[in-house]
Amino acid sequence: TWDAGIGAEIMGRNKFGPQRGPWEDDEWKGWWGANP
């Protein structure tokens, strides 16, 4: 049931990646690959 009727998601930064503070690696695109 997780995706039925969903139009947007909100997540915290720590779900997106392990970085802290100012972004030092703009190449990081999350743990999910090219097609999240």
PDB file of all heavy atoms in Angstrom:
ATOM      1  N   THR A   1       0.814  -1.224   0.000  1.00  0.00           N
ATOM      2  CA  THR A   1       0.000   0.000   0.000  1.00  0.00           C
ATOM      3  C   THR A   1       0.843   1.268   0.000  1.00  0.00           C
ATOM      4  O   THR A   1       0.294   2.370  -0.027  1.00  0.00           O
ATOM      5  CB  THR A   1      -0.937   0.021   1.217  1.00  0.00           C
ATOM      6  OG1 THR A   1      -0.149   0.098   2.429  1.00  0.00           O
ATOM      7  CG2 THR A   1      -1.799  -1.227   1.275  1.00  0.00           C
ATOM      8  N   TRP A   2       2.146   1.135  -0.001  1.00  0.00           N
ATOM      9  CA  TRP A   2       3.027   2.281   0.266  1.00  0.00           C
ATOM     10  C   TRP A   2       3.001   3.358  -0.825  1.00  0.00           C
ATOM     11  O   TRP A   2       3.217   4.539  -0.544  1.00  0.00           O
ATOM     12  CB  TRP A   2       4.474   1.809   0.472  1.00  0.00           C
ATOM     13  CG  TRP A   2       5.233   1.614  -0.801  1.00  0.00           C
ATOM     14  CD1 TRP A   2       5.021   0.652  -1.733  1.00  0.00           C
ATOM     15  CD2 TRP A   2       6.299   2.427  -1.287  1.00  0.00           C
ATOM     16  NE1 TRP A   2       5.907   0.792  -2.770  1.00  0.00           N
ATOM     17  CE2 TRP A   2       6.696   1.875  -2.520  1.00  0.00           C
ATOM     18  CE3 TRP A   2       6.968   3.547  -0.792  1.00  0.00           C
ATOM     19  CZ2 TRP A   2       7.731   2.423  -3.272  1.00  0.00           C
ATOM     20  CZ3 TRP A   2       8.004   4.086  -1.557  1.00  0.00           C
ATOM     21  CH2 TRP A   2       8.376   3.530  -2.774  1.00  0.00           C
ATOM     22  N   ASP A   3       2.716   2.971  -2.085  1.00  0.00           N
ATOM     23  CA  ASP A   3       2.828   3.966  -3.153  1.00  0.00           C
ATOM     24  C   ASP A   3       1.504   4.330  -3.806  1.00  0.00           C
ATOM     25  O   ASP A   3       1.469   5.237  -4.646  1.00  0.00           O
ATOM     26  CB  ASP A   3       3.816   3.497  -4.220  1.00  0.00           C
ATOM     27  CG  ASP A   3       3.356   2.222  -4.923  1.00  0.00           C
ATOM     28  OD1 ASP A   3       2.457   1.538  -4.401  1.00  0.00           O
ATOM     29  OD2 ASP A   3       3.919   1.906  -5.993  1.00  0.00           O
ATOM     30  N   ALA A   4       0.408   3.692  -3.423  1.00  0.00           N
ATOM     31  CA  ALA A   4      -0.874   3.990  -4.060  1.00  0.00           C
ATOM     32  C   ALA A   4      -1.327   5.401  -3.702  1.00  0.00           C
ATOM     33  O   ALA A   4      -1.463   5.747  -2.530  1.00  0.00           O
ATOM     34  CB  ALA A   4      -1.935   2.974  -3.615  1.00  0.00           C
ATOM     35  N   GLY A   5      -1.522   6.236  -4.708  1.00  0.00           N
ATOM     36  CA  GLY A   5      -2.035   7.576  -4.480  1.00  0.00           C
ATOM     37  C   GLY A   5      -1.038   8.572  -3.932  1.00  0.00           C
ATOM     38  O   GLY A   5      -1.426   9.633  -3.445  1.00  0.00           O
ATOM     39  N   ILE A   6       0.247   8.274  -4.023  1.00  0.00           N
ATOM     40  CA  ILE A   6       1.283   9.177  -3.511  1.00  0.00           C
ATOM     41  C   ILE A   6       1.761  10.101  -4.634  1.00  0.00           C
ATOM     42  O   ILE A   6       2.106   9.656  -5.728  1.00  0.00           O
ATOM     43  CB  ILE A   6       2.485   8.393  -2.952  1.00  0.00           C
ATOM     44  CG1 ILE A   6       2.074   7.593  -1.717  1.00  0.00           C
ATOM     45  CG2 ILE A   6       3.643   9.336  -2.622  1.00  0.00           C
ATOM     46  CD1 ILE A   6       1.686   8.439  -0.527  1.00  0.00           C
ATOM     47  N   GLY A   7       1.794  11.412  -4.345  1.00  0.00           N
ATOM     48  CA  GLY A   7       2.233  12.376  -5.337  1.00  0.00           C
ATOM     49  C   GLY A   7       3.532  13.069  -5.016  1.00  0.00           C
ATOM     50  O   GLY A   7       4.103  13.762  -5.870  1.00  0.00           O
ATOM     51  N   ALA A   8       4.042  12.900  -3.778  1.00  0.00           N
ATOM     52  CA  ALA A   8       5.313  13.505  -3.380  1.00  0.00           C
ATOM     53  C   ALA A   8       5.764  12.851  -2.082  1.00  0.00           C
ATOM     54  O   ALA A   8       4.949  12.288  -1.335  1.00  0.00           O
ATOM     55  CB  ALA A   8       5.184  15.012  -3.188  1.00  0.00           C
ATOM     56  N   GLU A   9       7.056  12.916  -1.814  1.00  0.00           N
ATOM     57  CA  GLU A   9       7.610  12.386  -0.566  1.00  0.00           C
ATOM     58  C   GLU A   9       8.450  13.466   0.105  1.00  0.00           C
ATOM     59  O   GLU A   9       9.076  14.295  -0.559  1.00  0.00           O
ATOM     60  CB  GLU A   9       8.464  11.141  -0.823  1.00  0.00           C
ATOM     61  CG  GLU A   9       9.263  10.705   0.407  1.00  0.00           C
ATOM     62  CD  GLU A   9       9.603   9.224   0.445  1.00  0.00           C
ATOM     63  OE1 GLU A   9       8.899   8.412  -0.163  1.00  0.00           O
ATOM     64  OE2 GLU A   9      10.595   8.892   1.127  1.00  0.00           O
ATOM     65  N   ILE A  10       8.471  13.410   1.443  1.00  0.00           N
ATOM     66  CA  ILE A  10       9.378  14.224   2.256  1.00  0.00           C
ATOM     67  C   ILE A  10      10.273  13.266   3.030  1.00  0.00           C
ATOM     68  O   ILE A  10       9.781  12.315   3.647  1.00  0.00           O
ATOM     69  CB  ILE A  10       8.606  15.126   3.224  1.00  0.00           C
ATOM     70  CG1 ILE A  10       7.702  16.108   2.464  1.00  0.00           C
ATOM     71  CG2 ILE A  10       9.570  15.895   4.139  1.00  0.00           C
ATOM     72  CD1 ILE A  10       6.745  16.870   3.358  1.00  0.00           C
ATOM     73  N   MET A  11      11.569  13.499   3.002  1.00  0.00           N
ATOM     74  CA  MET A  11      12.492  12.667   3.777  1.00  0.00           C
ATOM     75  C   MET A  11      13.542  13.541   4.440  1.00  0.00           C
ATOM     76  O   MET A  11      13.815  14.672   3.997  1.00  0.00           O
ATOM     77  CB  MET A  11      13.173  11.615   2.891  1.00  0.00           C
ATOM     78  CG  MET A  11      14.139  12.178   1.876  1.00  0.00           C
ATOM     79  SD  MET A  11      15.143  10.906   1.003  1.00  0.00           S
ATOM     80  CE  MET A  11      13.891   9.972   0.154  1.00  0.00           C
ATOM     81  N   GLY A  12      14.142  13.021   5.492  1.00  0.00           N
ATOM     82  CA  GLY A  12      15.257  13.693   6.132  1.00  0.00           C
ATOM     83  C   GLY A  12      16.545  13.476   5.360  1.00  0.00           C
ATOM     84  O   GLY A  12      16.671  12.539   4.554  1.00  0.00           O
ATOM     85  N   ARG A  13      17.512  14.323   5.628  1.00  0.00           N
ATOM     86  CA  ARG A  13      18.777  14.221   4.909  1.00  0.00           C
ATOM     87  C   ARG A  13      19.467  12.886   5.159  1.00  0.00           C
ATOM     88  O   ARG A  13      20.115  12.335   4.263  1.00  0.00           O
ATOM     89  CB  ARG A  13      19.700  15.371   5.324  1.00  0.00           C
ATOM     90  CG  ARG A  13      21.066  15.294   4.640  1.00  0.00           C
ATOM     91  CD  ARG A  13      21.905  16.508   4.919  1.00  0.00           C
ATOM     92  NE  ARG A  13      23.251  16.334   4.380  1.00  0.00           N
ATOM     93  CZ  ARG A  13      24.184  17.258   4.393  1.00  0.00           C
ATOM     94  NH1 ARG A  13      23.928  18.449   4.909  1.00  0.00           N
ATOM     95  NH2 ARG A  13      25.385  17.028   3.899  1.00  0.00           N
ATOM     96  N   ASN A  14      19.342  12.343   6.375  1.00  0.00           N
ATOM     97  CA  ASN A  14      20.033  11.098   6.685  1.00  0.00           C
ATOM     98  C   ASN A  14      19.443   9.903   5.961  1.00  0.00           C
ATOM     99  O   ASN A  14      20.091   8.853   5.873  1.00  0.00           O
ATOM    100  CB  ASN A  14      20.018  10.839   8.196  1.00  0.00           C
ATOM    101  CG  ASN A  14      20.865  11.824   8.957  1.00  0.00           C
ATOM    102  OD1 ASN A  14      21.526  12.681   8.361  1.00  0.00           O
ATOM    103  ND2 ASN A  14      20.849  11.737  10.272  1.00  0.00           N
ATOM    104  N   LYS A  15      18.202  10.032   5.466  1.00  0.00           N
ATOM    105  CA  LYS A  15      17.688   8.967   4.602  1.00  0.00           C
ATOM    106  C   LYS A  15      18.288   9.074   3.213  1.00  0.00           C
ATOM    107  O   LYS A  15      18.528   8.064   2.556  1.00  0.00           O
ATOM    108  CB  LYS A  15      16.159   9.016   4.516  1.00  0.00           C
ATOM    109  CG  LYS A  15      15.601   7.927   3.600  1.00  0.00           C
ATOM    110  CD  LYS A  15      14.095   7.874   3.554  1.00  0.00           C
ATOM    111  CE  LYS A  15      13.638   6.801   2.561  1.00  0.00           C
ATOM    112  NZ  LYS A  15      12.166   6.683   2.476  1.00  0.00           N
ATOM    113  N   PHE A  16      18.548  10.288   2.769  1.00  0.00           N
ATOM    114  CA  PHE A  16      19.125  10.466   1.438  1.00  0.00           C
ATOM    115  C   PHE A  16      20.576  10.000   1.388  1.00  0.00           C
ATOM    116  O   PHE A  16      21.022   9.440   0.381  1.00  0.00           O
ATOM    117  CB  PHE A  16      19.035  11.932   1.020  1.00  0.00           C
ATOM    118  CG  PHE A  16      19.646  12.214  -0.317  1.00  0.00           C
ATOM    119  CD1 PHE A  16      18.976  11.890  -1.485  1.00  0.00           C
ATOM    120  CD2 PHE A  16      20.904  12.793  -0.411  1.00  0.00           C
ATOM    121  CE1 PHE A  16      19.552  12.134  -2.732  1.00  0.00           C
ATOM    122  CE2 PHE A  16      21.482  13.051  -1.650  1.00  0.00           C
ATOM    123  CZ  PHE A  16      20.801  12.708  -2.808  1.00  0.00           C
ATOM    124  N   GLY A  17      21.339  10.244   2.453  1.00  0.00           N
ATOM    125  CA  GLY A  17      22.747   9.870   2.417  1.00  0.00           C
ATOM    126  C   GLY A  17      23.416  10.060   3.754  1.00  0.00           C
ATOM    127  O   GLY A  17      22.847  10.634   4.681  1.00  0.00           O
ATOM    128  N   PRO A  18      24.666   9.583   3.903  1.00  0.00           N
ATOM    129  CA  PRO A  18      25.364   9.634   5.184  1.00  0.00           C
ATOM    130  C   PRO A  18      26.137  10.919   5.428  1.00  0.00           C
ATOM    131  O   PRO A  18      26.777  11.065   6.473  1.00  0.00           O
ATOM    132  CB  PRO A  18      26.331   8.452   5.079  1.00  0.00           C
ATOM    133  CG  PRO A  18      26.679   8.401   3.615  1.00  0.00           C
ATOM    134  CD  PRO A  18      25.417   8.800   2.895  1.00  0.00           C
ATOM    135  N   GLN A  19      26.099  11.878   4.505  1.00  0.00           N
ATOM    136  CA  GLN A  19      26.893  13.091   4.646  1.00  0.00           C
ATOM    137  C   GLN A  19      26.337  13.981   5.759  1.00  0.00           C
ATOM    138  O   GLN A  19      25.142  13.987   6.028  1.00  0.00           O
ATOM    139  CB  GLN A  19      26.914  13.885   3.337  1.00  0.00           C
ATOM    140  CG  GLN A  19      27.441  13.109   2.161  1.00  0.00           C
ATOM    141  CD  GLN A  19      26.322  12.428   1.380  1.00  0.00           C
ATOM    142  OE1 GLN A  19      25.240  12.218   1.900  1.00  0.00           O
ATOM    143  NE2 GLN A  19      26.596  12.091   0.141  1.00  0.00           N
ATOM    144  N   ARG A  20      27.202  14.733   6.385  1.00  0.00           N
ATOM    145  CA  ARG A  20      26.806  15.703   7.399  1.00  0.00           C
ATOM    146  C   ARG A  20      27.432  17.055   7.046  1.00  0.00           C
ATOM    147  O   ARG A  20      28.473  17.115   6.399  1.00  0.00           O
ATOM    148  CB  ARG A  20      27.281  15.269   8.804  1.00  0.00           C
ATOM    149  CG  ARG A  20      26.795  13.890   9.249  1.00  0.00           C
ATOM    150  CD  ARG A  20      25.294  13.852   9.450  1.00  0.00           C
ATOM    151  NE  ARG A  20      24.868  12.588  10.026  1.00  0.00           N
ATOM    152  CZ  ARG A  20      24.510  11.516   9.311  1.00  0.00           C
ATOM    153  NH1 ARG A  20      24.546  11.567   7.979  1.00  0.00           N
ATOM    154  NH2 ARG A  20      24.123  10.406   9.912  1.00  0.00           N
ATOM    155  N   GLY A  21      26.800  18.148   7.478  1.00  0.00           N
ATOM    156  CA  GLY A  21      27.351  19.470   7.230  1.00  0.00           C
ATOM    157  C   GLY A  21      27.200  19.889   5.779  1.00  0.00           C
ATOM    158  O   GLY A  21      26.382  19.342   5.030  1.00  0.00           O
ATOM    159  N   PRO A  22      27.992  20.880   5.336  1.00  0.00           N
ATOM    160  CA  PRO A  22      27.923  21.333   3.938  1.00  0.00           C
ATOM    161  C   PRO A  22      28.193  20.173   2.980  1.00  0.00           C
ATOM    162  O   PRO A  22      28.997  19.284   3.258  1.00  0.00           O
ATOM    163  CB  PRO A  22      29.024  22.396   3.866  1.00  0.00           C
ATOM    164  CG  PRO A  22      29.186  22.871   5.281  1.00  0.00           C
ATOM    165  CD  PRO A  22      28.934  21.673   6.142  1.00  0.00           C
ATOM    166  N   TRP A  23      27.520  20.201   1.824  1.00  0.00           N
ATOM    167  CA  TRP A  23      27.700  19.144   0.835  1.00  0.00           C
ATOM    168  C   TRP A  23      29.116  19.220   0.255  1.00  0.00           C
ATOM    169  O   TRP A  23      29.517  20.239  -0.274  1.00  0.00           O
ATOM    170  CB  TRP A  23      26.675  19.284  -0.280  1.00  0.00           C
ATOM    171  CG  TRP A  23      25.258  19.153   0.189  1.00  0.00           C
ATOM    172  CD1 TRP A  23      24.422  20.160   0.536  1.00  0.00           C
ATOM    173  CD2 TRP A  23      24.537  17.940   0.379  1.00  0.00           C
ATOM    174  NE1 TRP A  23      23.203  19.662   0.927  1.00  0.00           N
ATOM    175  CE2 TRP A  23      23.240  18.292   0.841  1.00  0.00           C
ATOM    176  CE3 TRP A  23      24.853  16.591   0.193  1.00  0.00           C
ATOM    177  CZ2 TRP A  23      22.263  17.336   1.121  1.00  0.00           C
ATOM    178  CZ3 TRP A  23      23.876  15.641   0.480  1.00  0.00           C
ATOM    179  CH2 TRP A  23      22.605  16.012   0.933  1.00  0.00           C
ATOM    180  N   GLU A  24      29.831  18.129   0.345  1.00  0.00           N
ATOM    181  CA  GLU A  24      31.177  18.070  -0.211  1.00  0.00           C
ATOM    182  C   GLU A  24      31.246  17.205  -1.459  1.00  0.00           C
ATOM    183  O   GLU A  24      32.232  17.248  -2.190  1.00  0.00           O
ATOM    184  CB  GLU A  24      32.152  17.538   0.836  1.00  0.00           C
ATOM    185  CG  GLU A  24      32.264  18.448   2.070  1.00  0.00           C
ATOM    186  CD  GLU A  24      33.221  17.901   3.100  1.00  0.00           C
ATOM    187  OE1 GLU A  24      33.739  16.776   2.900  1.00  0.00           O
ATOM    188  OE2 GLU A  24      33.466  18.596   4.111  1.00  0.00           O
ATOM    189  N   ASP A  25      30.187  16.408  -1.691  1.00  0.00           N
ATOM    190  CA  ASP A  25      30.195  15.491  -2.826  1.00  0.00           C
ATOM    191  C   ASP A  25      28.865  15.602  -3.551  1.00  0.00           C
ATOM    192  O   ASP A  25      27.888  14.948  -3.216  1.00  0.00           O
ATOM    193  CB  ASP A  25      30.437  14.049  -2.350  1.00  0.00           C
ATOM    194  CG  ASP A  25      30.473  13.055  -3.507  1.00  0.00           C
ATOM    195  OD1 ASP A  25      30.484  13.502  -4.663  1.00  0.00           O
ATOM    196  OD2 ASP A  25      30.478  11.837  -3.242  1.00  0.00           O
ATOM    197  N   ASP A  26      28.806  16.452  -4.570  1.00  0.00           N
ATOM    198  CA  ASP A  26      27.583  16.622  -5.342  1.00  0.00           C
ATOM    199  C   ASP A  26      27.291  15.436  -6.239  1.00  0.00           C
ATOM    200  O   ASP A  26      26.215  15.359  -6.848  1.00  0.00           O
ATOM    201  CB  ASP A  26      27.659  17.892  -6.185  1.00  0.00           C
ATOM    202  CG  ASP A  26      27.531  19.156  -5.341  1.00  0.00           C
ATOM    203  OD1 ASP A  26      27.110  19.030  -4.175  1.00  0.00           O
ATOM    204  OD2 ASP A  26      27.857  20.240  -5.844  1.00  0.00           O
ATOM    205  N   GLU A  27      28.219  14.519  -6.346  1.00  0.00           N
ATOM    206  CA  GLU A  27      28.004  13.339  -7.183  1.00  0.00           C
ATOM    207  C   GLU A  27      27.137  12.299  -6.490  1.00  0.00           C
ATOM    208  O   GLU A  27      26.597  11.410  -7.134  1.00  0.00           O
ATOM    209  CB  GLU A  27      29.358  12.711  -7.569  1.00  0.00           C
ATOM    210  CG  GLU A  27      30.228  13.613  -8.428  1.00  0.00           C
ATOM    211  CD  GLU A  27      29.522  14.026  -9.711  1.00  0.00           C
ATOM    212  OE1 GLU A  27      28.947  13.144 -10.373  1.00  0.00           O
ATOM    213  OE2 GLU A  27      29.540  15.231 -10.030  1.00  0.00           O
ATOM    214  N   TRP A  28      27.002  12.391  -5.158  1.00  0.00           N
ATOM    215  CA  TRP A  28      26.179  11.414  -4.426  1.00  0.00           C
ATOM    216  C   TRP A  28      24.718  11.636  -4.788  1.00  0.00           C
ATOM    217  O   TRP A  28      24.183  12.716  -4.659  1.00  0.00           O
ATOM    218  CB  TRP A  28      26.387  11.587  -2.920  1.00  0.00           C
ATOM    219  CG  TRP A  28      25.452  10.733  -2.109  1.00  0.00           C
ATOM    220  CD1 TRP A  28      24.321  11.124  -1.467  1.00  0.00           C
ATOM    221  CD2 TRP A  28      25.577   9.331  -1.872  1.00  0.00           C
ATOM    222  NE1 TRP A  28      23.724  10.066  -0.847  1.00  0.00           N
ATOM    223  CE2 TRP A  28      24.461   8.944  -1.074  1.00  0.00           C
ATOM    224  CE3 TRP A  28      26.495   8.357  -2.260  1.00  0.00           C
ATOM    225  CZ2 TRP A  28      24.270   7.623  -0.649  1.00  0.00           C
ATOM    226  CZ3 TRP A  28      26.295   7.049  -1.829  1.00  0.00           C
ATOM    227  CH2 TRP A  28      25.205   6.697  -1.033  1.00  0.00           C
ATOM    228  N   LYS A  29      24.050  10.555  -5.231  1.00  0.00           N
ATOM    229  CA  LYS A  29      22.672  10.649  -5.678  1.00  0.00           C
ATOM    230  C   LYS A  29      21.750   9.714  -4.894  1.00  0.00           C
ATOM    231  O   LYS A  29      20.681   9.347  -5.367  1.00  0.00           O
ATOM    232  CB  LYS A  29      22.584  10.351  -7.174  1.00  0.00           C
ATOM    233  CG  LYS A  29      23.378  11.350  -8.037  1.00  0.00           C
ATOM    234  CD  LYS A  29      23.194  11.071  -9.497  1.00  0.00           C
ATOM    235  CE  LYS A  29      23.970  11.989 -10.420  1.00  0.00           C
ATOM    236  NZ  LYS A  29      24.553  13.179  -9.899  1.00  0.00           N
ATOM    237  N   GLY A  30      22.174   9.330  -3.701  1.00  0.00           N
ATOM    238  CA  GLY A  30      21.337   8.467  -2.874  1.00  0.00           C
ATOM    239  C   GLY A  30      21.703   7.005  -3.027  1.00  0.00           C
ATOM    240  O   GLY A  30      22.496   6.618  -3.883  1.00  0.00           O
ATOM    241  N   TRP A  31      21.085   6.187  -2.171  1.00  0.00           N
ATOM    242  CA  TRP A  31      21.400   4.758  -2.131  1.00  0.00           C
ATOM    243  C   TRP A  31      20.647   3.946  -3.179  1.00  0.00           C
ATOM    244  O   TRP A  31      20.807   2.735  -3.247  1.00  0.00           O
ATOM    245  CB  TRP A  31      21.061   4.195  -0.743  1.00  0.00           C
ATOM    246  CG  TRP A  31      22.142   4.378   0.256  1.00  0.00           C
ATOM    247  CD1 TRP A  31      23.366   3.767   0.267  1.00  0.00           C
ATOM    248  CD2 TRP A  31      22.120   5.201   1.429  1.00  0.00           C
ATOM    249  NE1 TRP A  31      24.099   4.170   1.365  1.00  0.00           N
ATOM    250  CE2 TRP A  31      23.359   5.048   2.090  1.00  0.00           C
ATOM    251  CE3 TRP A  31      21.167   6.052   1.987  1.00  0.00           C
ATOM    252  CZ2 TRP A  31      23.667   5.694   3.284  1.00  0.00           C
ATOM    253  CZ3 TRP A  31      21.479   6.704   3.166  1.00  0.00           C
ATOM    254  CH2 TRP A  31      22.715   6.530   3.808  1.00  0.00           C
ATOM    255  N   TRP A  32      19.823   4.569  -4.025  1.00  0.00           N
ATOM    256  CA  TRP A  32      18.865   3.826  -4.839  1.00  0.00           C
ATOM    257  C   TRP A  32      19.260   3.690  -6.300  1.00  0.00           C
ATOM    258  O   TRP A  32      18.496   3.144  -7.084  1.00  0.00           O
ATOM    259  CB  TRP A  32      17.488   4.503  -4.749  1.00  0.00           C
ATOM    260  CG  TRP A  32      17.058   4.679  -3.336  1.00  0.00           C
ATOM    261  CD1 TRP A  32      16.490   3.742  -2.522  1.00  0.00           C
ATOM    262  CD2 TRP A  32      17.180   5.866  -2.552  1.00  0.00           C
ATOM    263  NE1 TRP A  32      16.245   4.267  -1.284  1.00  0.00           N
ATOM    264  CE2 TRP A  32      16.663   5.574  -1.272  1.00  0.00           C
ATOM    265  CE3 TRP A  32      17.668   7.152  -2.813  1.00  0.00           C
ATOM    266  CZ2 TRP A  32      16.627   6.533  -0.258  1.00  0.00           C
ATOM    267  CZ3 TRP A  32      17.640   8.093  -1.801  1.00  0.00           C
ATOM    268  CH2 TRP A  32      17.127   7.778  -0.538  1.00  0.00           C
ATOM    269  N   GLY A  33      20.403   4.201  -6.706  1.00  0.00           N
ATOM    270  CA  GLY A  33      20.817   4.091  -8.092  1.00  0.00           C
ATOM    271  C   GLY A  33      20.197   5.175  -8.958  1.00  0.00           C
ATOM    272  O   GLY A  33      19.604   6.144  -8.468  1.00  0.00           O
ATOM    273  N   ALA A  34      20.319   4.999 -10.271  1.00  0.00           N
ATOM    274  CA  ALA A  34      19.899   6.026 -11.213  1.00  0.00           C
ATOM    275  C   ALA A  34      18.383   6.180 -11.294  1.00  0.00           C
ATOM    276  O   ALA A  34      17.884   7.236 -11.688  1.00  0.00           O
ATOM    277  CB  ALA A  34      20.451   5.711 -12.602  1.00  0.00           C
ATOM    278  N   ASN A  35      17.649   5.124 -10.934  1.00  0.00           N
ATOM    279  CA  ASN A  35      16.187   5.151 -11.015  1.00  0.00           C
ATOM    280  C   ASN A  35      15.606   4.820  -9.643  1.00  0.00           C
ATOM    281  O   ASN A  35      15.205   3.688  -9.378  1.00  0.00           O
ATOM    282  CB  ASN A  35      15.700   4.151 -12.067  1.00  0.00           C
ATOM    283  CG  ASN A  35      14.210   4.245 -12.325  1.00  0.00           C
ATOM    284  OD1 ASN A  35      13.508   5.054 -11.721  1.00  0.00           O
ATOM    285  ND2 ASN A  35      13.713   3.406 -13.214  1.00  0.00           N
ATOM    286  N   PRO A  36      15.533   5.808  -8.740  1.00  0.00           N
ATOM    287  CA  PRO A  36      15.012   5.552  -7.391  1.00  0.00           C
ATOM    288  C   PRO A  36      13.561   5.094  -7.432  1.00  0.00           C
ATOM    289  O   PRO A  36      12.836   5.351  -8.402  1.00  0.00           O
ATOM    290  CB  PRO A  36      15.144   6.920  -6.701  1.00  0.00           C
ATOM    291  CG  PRO A  36      16.164   7.659  -7.502  1.00  0.00           C
ATOM    292  CD  PRO A  36      15.975   7.198  -8.915  1.00  0.00           C
TER     293      PRO A  36
END
